[in-house]
Amino acid sequence: MKIQTVITAILLSITLAAPAYAAAPTPTSGTTQTETNQINQLKNKIASQVSQLKLVEKRGIIGTIQAASSSQLTLTDIHGQIRYADLDEITKYAAANGSSLAVSGLKKGVVVTVFGIYNKDSQRILARFVGVVVVPTRYTGQITAIDKPNFQITVTTNEQKNAKVEVDTTSTVSTYSGGSSLSSYGFS
């Protein structure tokens, strides 16, 4: 008990003997010229950032690669317009089957989707995700041959060209026989 009292007394005397510091008083005369300049510079920076934010939005595009490098893709979109996608170290890539892909796998003629940050002023998209797309092929014509063991059909198109089509679980086969609607059916 005596030791506790002695320790408390020592701590109390140390805190009372320590010098006290107070915050410097703030000037009440107003702001100085340098502070006014700093405030104006800050306002200009904020206004500039706000205007840049209005020029940028998240967007996605689908297009066919016309040229590819490690830093940029040149695409032709579905409307025939040339689009540019900038690539960086943050950009992620995916193959059509969902596996990862390197930028070197992006070649001319490949159809891709690009999601990223679009700049309305430069009309460029900073890609955050690039994915290879498999576009389904559609044939219109008459079924002229059926290969049941291999699940294949031959379609003769309106242009009199034959197309051999493999039918799998994702295939859609529709028929039109003079009614007002299409009928779907399977391979069997």
Protein backbone atom coordinates (compact mmCIF):
# COMPACT_ATOMS: atom_id res chain seq x y z
CA MET A 1 0.00 0.00 0.00
CA LYS A 2 2.86 2.35 0.86
CA ILE A 3 4.54 1.56 -2.46
CA GLN A 4 1.35 2.36 -4.34
CA THR A 5 1.03 5.69 -2.51
CA VAL A 6 4.66 6.59 -3.22
CA ILE A 7 4.28 5.78 -6.93
CA THR A 8 1.11 7.86 -7.16
CA ALA A 9 2.83 10.78 -5.44
CA ILE A 10 5.81 10.59 -7.82
CA LEU A 11 3.58 10.52 -10.90
CA LEU A 12 1.53 13.41 -9.57
CA SER A 13 4.63 15.53 -8.94
CA ILE A 14 6.01 14.78 -12.43
CA THR A 15 2.80 15.87 -14.15
CA LEU A 16 2.53 19.04 -12.09
CA ALA A 17 6.17 19.95 -12.69
CA ALA A 18 5.94 19.45 -16.48
CA PRO A 19 5.55 22.65 -18.49
CA ALA A 20 2.13 23.28 -20.02
CA TYR A 21 1.78 24.11 -23.70
CA ALA A 22 -1.09 25.92 -25.31
CA ALA A 23 -2.06 26.18 -28.94
CA ALA A 24 -1.04 29.35 -30.68
CA PRO A 25 -3.91 31.74 -31.05
CA THR A 26 -5.43 31.95 -34.53
CA PRO A 27 -5.25 35.30 -36.19
CA THR A 28 -8.59 37.05 -36.33
CA SER A 29 -7.59 39.64 -38.85
CA GLY A 30 -8.69 37.46 -41.84
CA THR A 31 -6.88 35.40 -44.42
CA THR A 32 -3.58 36.38 -45.95
CA GLN A 33 -2.93 36.75 -49.67
CA THR A 34 -1.14 33.36 -49.88
CA GLU A 35 -4.06 31.62 -48.17
CA THR A 36 -6.46 33.25 -50.63
CA ASN A 37 -4.31 32.06 -53.54
CA GLN A 38 -4.22 28.54 -52.12
CA ILE A 39 -8.01 28.53 -51.73
CA ASN A 40 -8.48 29.71 -55.33
CA GLN A 41 -6.08 27.06 -56.64
CA LEU A 42 -7.98 24.39 -54.71
CA LYS A 43 -11.30 25.63 -56.13
CA ASN A 44 -9.89 25.45 -59.67
CA LYS A 45 -8.60 21.90 -59.12
CA ILE A 46 -11.96 20.77 -57.75
CA ALA A 47 -13.85 22.39 -60.65
CA SER A 48 -11.48 20.72 -63.13
CA GLN A 49 -11.98 17.30 -61.51
CA VAL A 50 -15.77 17.70 -61.52
CA SER A 51 -15.78 18.58 -65.23
CA GLN A 52 -13.57 15.55 -65.96
CA LEU A 53 -15.95 13.30 -64.04
CA LYS A 54 -18.81 14.41 -66.29
CA LEU A 55 -16.75 13.35 -69.34
CA VAL A 56 -16.16 9.80 -68.05
CA GLU A 57 -18.64 6.95 -67.74
CA LYS A 58 -18.59 3.16 -67.55
CA ARG A 59 -19.33 1.56 -70.90
CA GLY A 60 -19.02 -1.65 -72.85
CA ILE A 61 -18.57 -2.27 -76.57
CA ILE A 62 -18.50 -5.29 -78.86
CA GLY A 63 -16.22 -5.24 -81.87
CA THR A 64 -13.90 -7.08 -84.21
CA ILE A 65 -10.19 -6.48 -83.67
CA GLN A 66 -8.56 -4.65 -86.60
CA ALA A 67 -5.18 -4.14 -84.87
CA ALA A 68 -3.80 -5.18 -81.49
CA SER A 69 -0.78 -4.17 -79.45
CA SER A 70 0.16 -4.49 -75.79
CA SER A 71 -1.31 -1.05 -75.07
CA GLN A 72 -4.23 -0.63 -77.50
CA LEU A 73 -6.93 -2.42 -79.46
CA THR A 74 -8.43 -0.96 -82.62
CA LEU A 75 -11.95 -2.35 -83.11
CA THR A 76 -14.74 -2.09 -85.63
CA ASP A 77 -18.01 -2.05 -83.68
CA ILE A 78 -21.33 -3.53 -84.78
CA HIS A 79 -22.23 -0.21 -86.47
CA GLY A 80 -19.03 -0.21 -88.56
CA GLN A 81 -17.34 2.58 -86.57
CA ILE A 82 -13.68 2.42 -85.55
CA ARG A 83 -13.23 2.32 -81.75
CA TYR A 84 -10.08 2.43 -79.64
CA ALA A 85 -9.57 0.57 -76.36
CA ASP A 86 -6.54 1.42 -74.25
CA LEU A 87 -4.99 -1.45 -72.28
CA ASP A 88 -2.92 -1.26 -69.10
CA GLU A 89 -1.58 -3.52 -66.37
CA ILE A 90 -4.97 -3.59 -64.59
CA THR A 91 -6.88 -4.90 -67.66
CA LYS A 92 -8.16 -8.49 -67.28
CA TYR A 93 -8.57 -10.86 -70.22
CA ALA A 94 -10.77 -13.94 -70.71
CA ALA A 95 -11.09 -16.51 -73.50
CA ALA A 96 -14.47 -17.63 -74.84
CA ASN A 97 -14.53 -20.62 -72.48
CA GLY A 98 -13.94 -18.40 -69.44
CA SER A 99 -10.26 -19.26 -68.94
CA SER A 100 -7.68 -16.52 -68.62
CA LEU A 101 -6.05 -15.12 -71.73
CA ALA A 102 -2.93 -13.08 -72.42
CA VAL A 103 -3.00 -9.92 -74.51
CA SER A 104 -0.91 -11.79 -77.08
CA GLY A 105 -3.97 -14.00 -77.73
CA LEU A 106 -5.88 -11.04 -79.16
CA LYS A 107 -5.41 -11.10 -82.93
CA LYS A 108 -6.97 -9.38 -85.94
CA GLY A 109 -10.44 -10.72 -86.74
CA VAL A 110 -11.29 -11.87 -83.20
CA VAL A 111 -14.60 -10.59 -81.82
CA VAL A 112 -14.30 -9.20 -78.28
CA THR A 113 -16.32 -7.41 -75.64
CA VAL A 114 -14.59 -4.54 -73.87
CA PHE A 115 -15.83 -3.11 -70.56
CA GLY A 116 -14.19 -0.09 -69.03
CA ILE A 117 -14.11 3.64 -68.49
CA TYR A 118 -15.20 5.63 -71.54
CA ASN A 119 -13.95 9.18 -72.07
CA LYS A 120 -16.56 11.18 -74.00
CA ASP A 121 -14.01 13.79 -75.02
CA SER A 122 -11.41 11.45 -76.56
CA GLN A 123 -14.00 8.77 -77.43
CA ARG A 124 -11.65 6.06 -76.11
CA ILE A 125 -12.34 3.36 -73.58
CA LEU A 126 -9.82 2.44 -70.90
CA ALA A 127 -10.38 -1.31 -70.80
CA ARG A 128 -10.86 -3.03 -67.46
CA PHE A 129 -12.07 -6.32 -68.97
CA VAL A 130 -11.60 -7.79 -72.45
CA GLY A 131 -13.37 -11.04 -73.30
CA VAL A 132 -13.37 -13.09 -76.49
CA VAL A 133 -16.87 -13.66 -77.86
CA VAL A 134 -18.09 -16.62 -79.88
CA VAL A 135 -20.75 -15.28 -82.21
CA PRO A 136 -23.35 -17.92 -83.09
CA THR A 137 -23.70 -18.81 -86.76
CA ARG A 138 -27.21 -18.84 -88.21
CA TYR A 139 -28.27 -20.70 -91.32
CA THR A 140 -31.56 -20.27 -93.11
CA GLY A 141 -32.53 -22.89 -95.63
CA GLN A 142 -33.75 -26.43 -96.04
CA ILE A 143 -32.40 -29.50 -94.21
CA THR A 144 -31.23 -31.78 -97.04
CA ALA A 145 -29.36 -34.49 -95.09
CA ILE A 146 -29.34 -35.89 -91.55
CA ASP A 147 -26.36 -37.74 -90.05
CA LYS A 148 -27.91 -39.24 -86.88
CA PRO A 149 -24.81 -41.06 -85.51
CA ASN A 150 -22.74 -37.82 -85.59
CA PHE A 151 -25.61 -35.44 -84.74
CA GLN A 152 -25.07 -33.42 -87.90
CA ILE A 153 -27.39 -31.96 -90.50
CA THR A 154 -26.74 -30.45 -93.89
CA VAL A 155 -28.56 -27.23 -94.64
CA THR A 156 -28.92 -25.95 -98.19
CA THR A 157 -29.17 -22.17 -97.95
CA ASN A 158 -31.25 -19.91 -100.16
CA GLU A 159 -28.04 -19.17 -102.11
CA GLN A 160 -27.77 -22.94 -102.89
CA LYS A 161 -24.72 -23.42 -100.64
CA ASN A 162 -24.47 -26.47 -98.39
CA ALA A 163 -23.52 -26.02 -94.74
CA LYS A 164 -22.80 -28.97 -92.48
CA VAL A 165 -24.04 -28.14 -88.97
CA GLU A 166 -23.26 -30.02 -85.79
CA VAL A 167 -26.24 -30.10 -83.44
CA ASP A 168 -25.47 -30.09 -79.72
CA THR A 169 -27.28 -29.19 -76.51
CA THR A 170 -26.90 -25.45 -77.14
CA SER A 171 -28.16 -25.57 -80.74
CA THR A 172 -31.59 -24.18 -81.57
CA VAL A 173 -33.48 -25.64 -84.50
CA SER A 174 -36.67 -23.90 -85.59
CA THR A 175 -39.09 -24.61 -88.39
CA TYR A 176 -41.58 -22.49 -90.24
CA SER A 177 -44.30 -24.20 -92.20
CA GLY A 178 -46.61 -21.48 -93.44
CA GLY A 179 -48.11 -20.58 -90.05
CA SER A 180 -47.53 -17.34 -88.27
CA SER A 181 -44.93 -18.59 -85.80
CA LEU A 182 -41.76 -20.65 -85.54
CA SER A 183 -41.78 -24.10 -83.98
CA SER A 184 -38.72 -25.36 -82.11
CA TYR A 185 -37.66 -28.98 -82.07
CA GLY A 186 -34.66 -31.14 -81.19
CA PHE A 187 -32.41 -33.34 -83.27
CA SER A 188 -34.64 -36.41 -82.96
